[in-house]
Structure formats: C-alpha cells, structure tokens
Protein backbone atom coordinates (compact mmCIF):
# COMPACT_ATOMS: atom_id res chain seq x y z
CA UNK A 1 -13.22 15.27 -6.51
CA UNK A 2 -9.75 14.94 -8.04
CA UNK A 3 -7.15 12.15 -8.12
CA UNK A 4 -3.68 13.29 -7.04
CA UNK A 5 -0.27 11.74 -6.43
CA UNK A 6 2.12 13.33 -3.95
CA UNK A 7 5.54 11.83 -3.27
CA UNK A 8 9.31 11.70 -3.43
CA UNK A 9 11.81 9.47 -5.17
CA UNK A 10 15.55 8.95 -5.02
CA UNK A 11 16.13 11.61 -7.64
CA UNK A 12 14.10 14.26 -5.84
CA UNK A 13 15.35 13.92 -2.26
CA UNK A 14 18.65 13.02 -0.50
CA UNK A 15 18.93 9.31 0.30
CA UNK A 16 19.18 9.96 4.06
CA UNK A 17 15.81 11.74 3.95
CA UNK A 18 14.28 9.29 1.50
CA UNK A 19 15.03 6.39 3.87
CA UNK A 20 12.97 8.02 6.60
CA UNK A 21 10.04 8.60 4.26
CA UNK A 22 10.04 4.97 3.07
CA UNK A 23 7.00 3.12 4.39
CA UNK A 24 7.69 -0.53 5.34
CA UNK A 25 4.99 -3.08 4.60
CA UNK A 26 3.93 -3.28 8.24
CA UNK A 27 3.51 0.50 8.41
CA UNK A 28 1.31 1.02 5.33
CA UNK A 29 -2.04 0.64 7.10
CA UNK A 30 -1.08 3.20 9.73
CA UNK A 31 -0.11 5.75 7.06
CA UNK A 32 -3.33 5.03 5.16
CA UNK A 33 -5.37 5.69 8.30
CA UNK A 34 -3.48 8.92 8.91
CA UNK A 35 -4.03 10.16 5.34
CA UNK A 36 -7.71 9.20 5.37
CA UNK A 37 -8.25 11.16 8.59
CA UNK A 38 -8.09 14.29 6.41
CA UNK A 39 -11.51 15.80 5.69
CA UNK A 40 -10.38 16.30 2.08
CA UNK A 41 -9.23 12.73 1.33
CA UNK A 42 -11.73 9.97 0.56
CA UNK A 43 -9.44 7.28 -0.95
CA UNK A 44 -5.73 6.53 -0.68
CA UNK A 45 -3.02 4.10 -1.82
CA UNK A 46 0.56 4.07 -0.50
CA UNK A 47 3.19 3.00 -3.04
CA UNK A 48 6.56 2.68 -1.29
CA UNK A 49 9.45 0.90 -3.03
CA UNK A 50 13.24 1.13 -3.06
CA UNK A 51 12.90 3.99 -5.53
CA UNK A 52 9.83 6.00 -4.45
CA UNK A 53 7.30 6.79 -1.74
CA UNK A 54 4.04 8.08 -3.20
CA UNK A 55 0.55 8.67 -1.89
CA UNK A 56 -2.26 8.40 -4.43
CA UNK A 57 -5.49 9.95 -3.21
CA UNK A 58 -8.96 11.04 -4.25
CA UNK A 59 -9.34 14.54 -2.80
CA UNK A 60 -11.98 17.22 -2.44
CA UNK A 61 -9.68 20.25 -2.30
CA UNK A 62 -6.12 20.07 -3.56
CA UNK A 63 -4.21 22.47 -1.30
CA UNK A 64 -5.65 21.30 2.05
CA UNK A 65 -5.24 17.67 0.98
CA UNK A 66 -1.63 18.33 -0.09
CA UNK A 67 -0.87 19.76 3.34
CA UNK A 68 -2.51 16.86 5.15
CA UNK A 69 -0.66 14.24 3.08
CA UNK A 70 2.65 16.08 3.53
CA UNK A 71 2.08 16.18 7.29
CA UNK A 72 1.20 12.47 7.38
CA UNK A 73 4.51 11.68 5.67
CA UNK A 74 6.31 13.95 8.13
CA UNK A 75 4.76 12.15 11.09
CA UNK A 76 5.69 8.78 9.63
CA UNK A 77 9.31 9.80 9.09
CA UNK A 78 9.56 11.83 12.32
CA UNK A 79 10.56 14.82 10.20
CA UNK A 80 9.68 18.46 10.08
CA UNK A 81 7.65 19.09 6.87
CA UNK A 82 10.14 21.83 6.04
CA UNK A 83 12.88 19.18 5.82
CA UNK A 84 11.43 17.69 2.63
CA UNK A 85 8.49 19.81 1.42
CA UNK A 86 10.55 21.40 -1.36
CA UNK A 87 11.42 17.92 -2.66
CA UNK A 88 7.81 16.73 -2.97
CA UNK A 89 6.28 16.43 -6.42
CA UNK A 90 2.56 16.42 -7.12
CA UNK A 91 0.36 15.60 -10.12
CA UNK A 92 -3.40 15.54 -10.41
CA UNK A 93 -6.08 14.00 -12.62
CA UNK A 94 -4.74 13.21 -16.11
CA UNK A 95 -1.13 13.94 -15.10
CA UNK A 96 -1.49 11.69 -12.04
CA UNK A 97 -2.73 8.87 -14.28
CA UNK A 98 0.12 9.41 -16.75
CA UNK A 99 2.64 9.39 -13.90
CA UNK A 100 1.31 6.14 -12.43
CA UNK A 101 1.15 4.48 -15.84
CA UNK A 102 4.78 5.49 -16.42
CA UNK A 103 5.79 4.13 -13.02
CA UNK A 104 4.01 0.83 -13.68
CA UNK A 105 5.70 0.51 -17.07
CA UNK A 106 9.14 1.00 -15.49
CA UNK A 107 9.90 4.41 -17.00
CA UNK A 108 10.48 5.96 -13.56
CA UNK A 109 12.67 3.17 -12.18
CA UNK A 110 16.39 3.05 -11.45
CA UNK A 111 16.49 0.16 -13.93
CA UNK A 112 14.57 1.26 -17.00
CA UNK A 113 11.72 -1.12 -17.77
CA UNK A 114 12.13 -3.12 -14.54
CA UNK A 115 9.60 -5.90 -14.16
CA UNK A 116 9.31 -5.91 -10.35
CA UNK A 117 7.42 -2.61 -10.17
CA UNK A 118 4.29 -4.02 -11.82
CA UNK A 119 3.82 -6.46 -8.94
CA UNK A 120 4.63 -3.74 -6.41
CA UNK A 121 1.93 -1.45 -7.83
CA UNK A 122 -0.63 -4.24 -7.71
CA UNK A 123 0.37 -5.15 -4.15
CA UNK A 124 0.07 -1.50 -3.03
CA UNK A 125 -3.48 -1.45 -4.39
CA UNK A 126 -4.34 -4.80 -2.79
CA UNK A 127 -3.14 -3.62 0.63
CA UNK A 128 -5.21 -0.44 0.34
CA UNK A 129 -8.25 -2.40 -0.82
CA UNK A 130 -7.92 -4.80 2.12
CA UNK A 131 -7.79 -1.77 4.43
CA UNK A 132 -10.99 -0.45 2.79
CA UNK A 133 -9.06 2.65 1.68
CA UNK A 134 -10.05 2.69 -2.00
CA UNK A 135 -13.24 3.33 -3.92
CA UNK A 136 -14.19 3.47 -7.58
CA UNK A 137 -11.77 6.23 -8.60
CA UNK A 138 -8.51 4.67 -7.39
CA UNK A 139 -9.68 1.15 -8.23
CA UNK A 140 -10.24 2.17 -11.85
CA UNK A 141 -6.91 4.04 -11.94
CA UNK A 142 -4.79 1.20 -10.56
CA UNK A 143 -6.48 -1.51 -12.62
CA UNK A 144 -5.91 0.59 -15.76
CA UNK A 145 -2.25 1.13 -14.82
CA UNK A 146 -1.64 -2.61 -14.36
CA UNK A 147 -3.31 -3.32 -17.71
CA UNK A 148 -1.04 -0.72 -19.32
CA UNK A 149 2.06 -2.20 -17.67
CA UNK A 150 1.29 -5.67 -18.98
CA UNK A 151 0.50 -4.32 -22.45
CA UNK A 152 3.78 -2.41 -22.66
CA UNK A 153 5.87 -5.39 -21.60
CA UNK A 154 4.09 -7.65 -24.08
CA UNK A 155 4.30 -5.30 -27.06
CA UNK A 156 7.54 -3.32 -26.68
CA UNK A 157 11.20 -4.05 -25.99
CA UNK A 158 11.35 -2.02 -22.76
CA UNK A 159 11.79 -5.21 -20.70
CA UNK A 160 14.82 -6.46 -22.65
CA UNK A 161 17.97 -7.64 -20.79
CA UNK A 162 18.49 -6.49 -17.17
CA UNK A 163 15.07 -5.31 -16.06
CA UNK A 164 14.97 -5.65 -12.28
CA UNK A 165 16.76 -4.00 -9.39
CA UNK A 166 17.74 -7.39 -7.98
CA UNK A 167 19.30 -8.55 -11.29
CA UNK A 168 21.07 -5.20 -11.62
CA UNK A 169 22.54 -5.61 -8.12
CA UNK A 170 24.09 -8.95 -9.07
CA UNK A 171 25.25 -7.56 -12.42
CA UNK A 172 26.92 -4.65 -10.60
CA UNK A 173 28.73 -7.06 -8.26
CA UNK A 174 29.82 -9.15 -11.25
CA UNK A 175 31.04 -6.02 -13.04
CA UNK A 176 33.15 -5.06 -10.02
CA UNK A 177 34.74 -8.51 -9.59
CA UNK A 178 34.79 -9.74 -13.19
CA UNK A 179 33.04 -12.98 -12.21
CA UNK A 180 31.21 -14.49 -9.25
CA UNK A 181 32.31 -18.04 -9.99
CA UNK A 182 34.31 -19.48 -7.13
CA UNK A 183 33.24 -16.66 -4.79
CA UNK A 184 31.43 -17.20 -1.51
CA UNK A 185 28.30 -15.07 -1.54
CA UNK A 186 26.26 -13.97 1.47
CA UNK A 187 22.65 -12.87 1.15
CA UNK A 188 21.01 -10.99 4.00
CA UNK A 189 17.21 -11.21 3.79
CA UNK A 190 14.82 -13.56 1.99
CA UNK A 191 12.10 -11.24 0.73
CA UNK A 192 11.18 -10.44 -2.86
CA UNK A 193 14.35 -8.49 -3.65
CA UNK A 194 16.64 -11.00 -1.96
CA UNK A 195 14.90 -13.81 -3.81
CA UNK A 196 15.54 -12.03 -7.09
CA UNK A 197 19.21 -11.54 -6.22
CA UNK A 198 19.65 -15.16 -5.14
CA UNK A 199 18.14 -16.53 -8.34
CA UNK A 200 20.32 -14.16 -10.35
CA UNK A 201 23.37 -15.41 -8.46
CA UNK A 202 22.67 -18.91 -9.73
CA UNK A 203 22.45 -17.58 -13.29
CA UNK A 204 25.74 -15.70 -12.76
CA UNK A 205 27.54 -18.92 -11.87
CA UNK A 206 27.72 -18.52 -8.07
CA UNK A 207 27.65 -21.90 -6.33
CA UNK A 208 28.56 -21.11 -2.71
CA UNK A 209 25.62 -19.09 -1.34
CA UNK A 210 24.83 -18.48 2.34
CA UNK A 211 21.49 -16.92 3.34
CA UNK A 212 20.67 -15.24 6.64
CA UNK A 213 17.13 -14.22 7.46
CA UNK A 214 14.90 -13.59 10.45
CA UNK A 215 12.48 -16.33 9.35
CA UNK A 216 14.46 -19.52 8.82
CA UNK A 217 11.72 -21.37 6.88
CA UNK A 218 11.66 -18.70 4.20
CA UNK A 219 15.46 -18.73 3.92
CA UNK A 220 15.54 -22.55 3.66
CA UNK A 221 13.00 -22.48 0.84
CA UNK A 222 15.15 -19.97 -1.06
CA UNK A 223 18.41 -21.82 -0.33
CA UNK A 224 16.95 -25.05 -1.68
CA UNK A 225 16.32 -23.39 -5.03
CA UNK A 226 19.98 -22.48 -5.48
CA UNK A 227 21.72 -25.24 -3.57
CA UNK A 228 22.75 -22.82 -0.81
CA UNK A 229 22.74 -23.05 2.97
CA UNK A 230 21.08 -21.11 5.75
CA UNK A 231 22.44 -19.51 8.91
CA UNK A 232 20.68 -17.62 11.68
CA UNK A 233 21.10 -13.91 12.24
CA UNK A 234 23.10 -14.78 15.36
CA UNK A 235 25.74 -16.21 13.01
CA UNK A 236 25.94 -13.03 10.94
CA UNK A 237 29.45 -12.15 12.25
CA UNK A 238 30.66 -15.50 10.91
CA UNK A 239 29.15 -14.69 7.50
CA UNK A 240 30.82 -11.28 7.44
CA UNK A 241 34.17 -12.84 8.18
CA UNK A 242 33.92 -15.50 5.49
CA UNK A 243 32.09 -14.22 2.39
CA UNK A 244 33.61 -12.40 -0.57
CA UNK A 245 30.37 -10.61 -1.50
CA UNK A 246 27.41 -9.59 0.68
CA UNK A 247 24.10 -8.77 -0.98
CA UNK A 248 21.49 -7.29 1.31
CA UNK A 249 17.87 -6.20 1.06
CA UNK A 250 15.81 -6.73 4.21
CA UNK A 251 12.67 -4.92 5.25
CA UNK A 252 14.24 -3.78 8.51
CA UNK A 253 13.55 -0.24 9.65
CA UNK A 254 16.99 0.09 11.25
CA UNK A 255 20.59 -0.76 10.37
CA UNK A 256 21.29 -4.51 10.41
CA UNK A 257 25.10 -4.28 10.32
CA UNK A 258 26.80 -1.41 12.10
CA UNK A 259 30.24 0.03 11.48
CA UNK A 260 31.74 -1.57 14.60
CA UNK A 261 30.44 -5.06 13.75
CA UNK A 262 31.82 -4.85 10.22
CA UNK A 263 35.16 -3.45 11.38
CA UNK A 264 35.48 -6.36 13.82
CA UNK A 265 34.73 -8.86 11.06
CA UNK A 266 37.36 -7.30 8.78
CA UNK A 267 40.09 -7.69 11.40
CA UNK A 268 39.66 -11.46 11.00
CA UNK A 269 40.29 -11.18 7.25
CA UNK A 270 42.94 -8.48 6.79
CA UNK A 271 44.02 -9.67 3.35
CA UNK A 272 40.57 -10.37 1.91
CA UNK A 273 38.44 -7.49 0.62
CA UNK A 274 34.66 -7.53 0.99
CA UNK A 275 32.22 -6.19 -1.59
CA UNK A 276 28.82 -5.20 -0.18
CA UNK A 277 25.81 -4.36 -2.35
CA UNK A 278 23.08 -2.90 -0.15
CA UNK A 279 19.84 -2.22 -2.04
CA UNK A 280 17.66 -2.00 1.06
CA UNK A 281 15.75 1.20 1.74
CA UNK A 282 16.27 2.11 4.53
CA UNK A 283 19.86 0.84 4.23
CA UNK A 284 20.85 -2.38 6.02
CA UNK A 285 24.53 -1.44 6.29
CA UNK A 286 25.70 1.64 8.18
CA UNK A 287 26.95 4.15 5.55
CA UNK A 288 30.08 4.75 7.67
CA UNK A 289 31.16 1.19 6.86
CA UNK A 290 32.37 2.49 3.50
CA UNK A 291 35.39 3.99 5.33
CA UNK A 292 36.60 0.61 6.66
CA UNK A 293 39.75 -0.67 4.96
CA UNK A 294 38.99 -3.52 2.58
CA UNK A 295 35.27 -2.77 2.35
CA UNK A 296 33.61 -1.59 -0.85
CA UNK A 297 30.05 -0.51 -0.07
CA UNK A 298 27.59 0.08 -2.92
CA UNK A 299 24.00 1.24 -2.42
CA UNK A 300 20.98 2.30 -4.48
CA UNK A 301 22.68 5.48 -5.64
CA UNK A 302 25.52 3.40 -7.08
CA UNK A 303 23.05 0.98 -8.66
CA UNK A 304 21.21 3.86 -10.31
CA UNK A 305 24.45 5.06 -11.89
CA UNK A 306 25.34 1.51 -12.97
CA UNK A 307 21.91 0.93 -14.49
CA UNK A 308 22.20 4.15 -16.48
CA UNK A 309 24.61 2.39 -18.85
CA UNK A 310 22.11 -0.40 -19.48
CA UNK A 311 19.38 2.08 -20.31
CA UNK A 312 20.97 2.99 -23.64
CA UNK A 313 19.78 -0.16 -25.37
CA UNK A 314 16.23 0.34 -24.21
CA UNK A 315 15.95 4.11 -24.63
CA UNK A 316 14.79 3.64 -28.21
CA UNK A 317 11.68 1.98 -26.77
CA UNK A 318 10.73 4.94 -24.58
CA UNK A 319 8.91 6.79 -27.35
CA UNK A 320 6.91 3.66 -28.19
CA UNK A 321 6.07 3.11 -24.53
CA UNK A 322 4.99 6.72 -24.07
CA UNK A 323 2.71 6.40 -27.10
CA UNK A 324 1.06 3.36 -25.52
CA UNK A 325 0.73 5.25 -22.24
CA UNK A 326 -0.86 8.23 -24.00
CA UNK A 327 -3.39 5.93 -25.65
CA UNK A 328 -4.22 4.21 -22.37
CA UNK A 329 -4.46 7.51 -20.47
CA UNK A 330 -6.89 8.81 -23.09
CA UNK A 331 -8.90 5.59 -22.80
CA UNK A 332 -8.93 5.83 -19.01
CA UNK A 333 -9.84 9.52 -19.11
CA UNK A 334 -12.77 8.88 -21.45
CA UNK A 335 -14.03 6.00 -19.33
CA UNK A 336 -13.70 8.05 -16.13
CA UNK A 337 -15.42 11.07 -17.66
CA UNK A 338 -18.24 8.91 -18.91
CA UNK A 339 -18.62 7.35 -15.47
CA UNK A 340 -18.76 10.79 -13.85
CA UNK A 341 -21.26 12.30 -16.29
CA UNK A 342 -23.52 9.25 -16.51
CA UNK A 343 -25.35 9.98 -13.22
CA UNK A 344 -26.27 13.44 -14.57
CA UNK A 345 -27.56 11.94 -17.83
CA UNK A 346 -29.59 9.39 -15.86
CA UNK A 347 -30.97 12.08 -13.56
CA UNK A 348 -31.91 14.26 -16.54
CA UNK A 349 -33.75 11.45 -18.33
CA UNK A 350 -35.50 10.34 -15.14
CA UNK A 351 -36.67 13.89 -14.47
CA UNK A 352 -38.12 14.20 -17.96
CA UNK A 353 -39.74 10.76 -17.75
CA UNK A 354 -41.29 11.67 -14.39
CA UNK A 355 -42.86 14.76 -15.95
CA UNK A 356 -44.16 12.76 -18.94
CA UNK A 357 -45.60 10.04 -16.69
CA UNK A 358 -47.31 12.63 -14.49
CA UNK A 359 -49.04 14.23 -17.48
CA UNK A 360 -50.08 10.79 -18.74
CA UNK A 361 -51.65 10.02 -15.35
CA UNK A 362 -53.75 13.18 -15.66
CA UNK A 363 -55.35 11.70 -18.77
CA UNK A 364 -56.31 8.42 -17.15
CA UNK A 365 -60.09 8.19 -16.94
CA UNK A 366 -60.51 10.74 -19.74
CA UNK A 367 -59.29 8.41 -22.50
CA UNK A 368 -60.04 4.78 -23.31
CA UNK A 369 -57.23 2.24 -22.91
CA UNK A 370 -56.31 2.06 -26.59
CA UNK A 371 -56.08 5.83 -26.95
CA UNK A 372 -54.11 6.13 -23.73
CA UNK A 373 -51.66 3.48 -24.96
CA UNK A 374 -51.20 5.39 -28.22
CA UNK A 375 -50.58 8.66 -26.35
CA UNK A 376 -48.10 6.84 -24.08
CA UNK A 377 -46.17 5.46 -27.07
CA UNK A 378 -46.23 8.78 -28.95
CA UNK A 379 -45.04 10.90 -26.02
CA UNK A 380 -42.30 8.35 -25.25
CA UNK A 381 -40.99 8.61 -28.83
CA UNK A 382 -41.12 12.41 -28.74
CA UNK A 383 -39.27 12.51 -25.42
CA UNK A 384 -36.55 10.16 -26.66
CA UNK A 385 -36.03 12.33 -29.76
CA UNK A 386 -35.87 15.50 -27.67
CA UNK A 387 -33.35 13.99 -25.21
CA UNK A 388 -31.16 12.31 -27.81
CA UNK A 389 -29.10 15.35 -28.86
CA UNK A 390 -28.44 16.87 -25.38
CA UNK A 391 -27.49 13.50 -23.82
CA UNK A 392 -25.29 12.52 -26.77
CA UNK A 393 -23.52 15.88 -26.71
CA UNK A 394 -23.03 15.68 -22.96
CA UNK A 395 -21.50 12.22 -23.18
CA UNK A 396 -19.22 13.04 -26.11
CA UNK A 397 -17.97 16.23 -24.43
CA UNK A 398 -17.37 14.55 -21.05
CA UNK A 399 -13.97 15.34 -19.59
CA UNK A 400 -13.55 18.60 -21.55
CA UNK A 401 -14.12 22.24 -20.59
CA UNK A 402 -17.11 22.26 -22.96
CA UNK A 403 -18.46 19.19 -21.21
CA UNK A 404 -18.18 20.91 -17.83
CA UNK A 405 -20.10 23.93 -19.19
CA UNK A 406 -22.81 21.73 -20.66
CA UNK A 407 -23.15 19.75 -17.42
CA UNK A 408 -23.33 22.93 -15.35
CA UNK A 409 -25.94 24.47 -17.67
CA UNK A 410 -28.09 21.34 -17.71
CA UNK A 411 -27.91 21.07 -13.93
CA UNK A 412 -28.88 24.70 -13.44
CA UNK A 413 -31.70 24.73 -16.02
CA UNK A 414 -33.37 21.58 -14.70
CA UNK A 415 -32.27 21.79 -11.04
CA UNK A 416 -30.26 18.55 -11.21
CA UNK A 417 -27.30 17.37 -9.14
CA UNK A 418 -24.16 17.97 -11.22
CA UNK A 419 -21.14 15.67 -10.96
CA UNK A 420 -18.57 17.06 -8.55
CA UNK A 421 -15.69 19.01 -10.04
CA UNK A 422 -12.23 19.24 -8.44
CA UNK A 423 -11.31 22.53 -6.84
CA UNK A 424 -8.15 24.34 -5.86
CA UNK A 425 -9.96 26.06 -2.99
CA UNK A 426 -7.73 26.58 0.05
C-alpha cells in the first residue's frame, strides 16, 4: 500500500476549471464514496479550499488508482478528464507527507503562512473520519501534519502580520481605497471566510457593515460582533445599490450575483463606484461584471498577486519552516515504517516461540519438573539472544531499501507474511 495525493491548485489550473473541480462541503461525502469505489483505494480524504482541491488516498496500485481518482474528479466537475489531466499533480509516500505538511504550515497558500488552512486540514480529516473513509495510514498522516502545523506557527515567524485569506481580502480593499473608514461595506455570506473578513473590517475601522446570508441566525450572530445589521438575500439588490465595497465568500455552487443584476444596481448609482472583492470558489460574482462601468471586481487571482508583496517579510522564515517539516517528515516516516514492519517482527518471534514450545512439550514426561523448568528458561534465553540481532536490524532498517530486502528475505526463509509494499503495477 502507498499513500498518494492527487490534485490541482490555482497555480496549476485555470480558475474557470478550478472552480468546477472545487468540492463544496455538502459534496465531500459523495466524492469520497466515488473515490473509495475504486478497487485500488482503501482510504481517502478530500481537501478542498479556495486554493486547492486534493485527494489523499491509501492505494494498492498507483497508476490504476490515479486514473480512478482523476475520473472521480471529472465526474464531480462534469468535465472530460482530458480537460484538466495535464494540470494534475501527484506525490506519493514521503513526498505526499512533505506536501501535506507544507500545505498545513501555509507554504502552499496564496497568503504565505495563512492560519486558516490548519483548521481546514483538520476539518477535511474529520469529515472523512465521520464517513468511515480513513484508516490507520491517513489518520497517522493527518494527525502528524496538524502537529507540524501547530509546531511551525509556535516556533517560527511564518504567521507574522497578514496570515489569512480573509484578512488579505480586507487589506486589498483598504489598499485600493486608502481607508475603509466612513465607507458602507456589504458582506455576502456568513461562513468561516466571511466571518474572518467581517472581523477584519472592524479592525480596519469600518463601522457601517451590512451582512446578507441564506441563514439569518448565523448572519445576526456575526453582525452583533461588529455592530452591523442583517438583510435577507431578497434585499441584495438594495445592498448592491447602496454599499461602497462588497466582500463575498459564500459556499454557493453557482453565481450569486449575475451581470444583469449588477448592471441594474449600478444604474441607480451612476456617480458612485463599487469595489467588489470576491474570494469565493466557485466565484459568487459573474466574471463579466468586471466590464460594467464603475465596477472594480477583484477575485482570488488578484488576491494572490496582492499577497505576493506581503510574502517578502516572511520568506526568510521559509528555510526554517522547511527544516521543521523535514524533521517531522523523518519522524513520521520512521514511525510509519516501524508500524509496518512490526507485524513481521511479531510473526517471526511467534513462529520461533511456537517451535521452541513444541520441542519443550516433547520433553514433558521425560524430565522432572525442576529440570523441565531449567530447560524452559535456558531455551528461552538462547532464543532471545538468537532473535535479538535480526529483529533489531529489521527495525532499524525499516523504511529503507535495505529494510525491504531484509523483510523480504526473512519472509521467504521462514514462510512469513511480509508487510505489503507499494507497486507501480498498471
């Protein structure tokens, strides 16, 4: 068996394609079921954020599993695999662990060192665990990645200054306008990202905040935190006609504001421009809205470029973070290798003990109890001495090519079940 990650991110695929491959929260279980229907996949986790869609899996054979996971993503996005196959990236075993650890630490994010991704990784694992889609391999991997993420944030400066997509969105709006004080701000959505933007608005000095969301109770809870007010989605045209800035990040799978609706709203405010920051994936605002007079529409591609400037201060920390990741990957690899080889060590020792016990039983009735006890103790000591070197060598070499050779030789010589090794068989 082998752990792999197969996915796309905003750097590897056009945004229009990436939106279709994004898996909304309500669609994760369906994708998990589809991936696990493969004969070569035994565990799976779907990690889908505003910056990436990745499938982590424990697989029997790499190439068939790759094809099955690619096809599952194609079915989800209603795409032909050929439309995005060349944009997929894949890593396995140690490289898959290093990739996930880097993601969890914020090295692969639009905002370097972002803090939101750690919770997203943990949530992706929790959803998969609740769906009974993970076993020991992915559980160990994701727990180790979360431990690494927390360690990096506690011991390095990677999380200094703007370290979330939501804070970066507000910072980008502030940069465009000079200040948000005295501006009327609209927020569309009340999920995790919208919450982050709303709280950041308060810190940026915004005092007139209007929130629109499908679930009113959630919006009211958020509005209370910032002294804002709530409107229903039916009143969205009124918001569009009155706000100076619109920040949006819903979990909708289709456009929330079309070009026609926005054009109509702008006719009611011919002399007032509107800045829109849309960090939803898929996008909440129709891309064509960028052509409407008076509208400035920024999306995740713009935010990525904006955040690039902020990375400079934290780039010095990347080497330190990668050193921590290397240490944690090595620790995880050693623990995983030990876990894999331990059943073989146990089987080997049990087989030898069974042979010793059988020979001891043959002596029962021929020796008195004291003599038999002495023979039992002596043969046990001899066996332990004989097994010490091979079992110690096997454990210390676990996870290496030498370890694989030793395990294979031991299995063949004593007819034992060897731990499974990953294969590239087609």
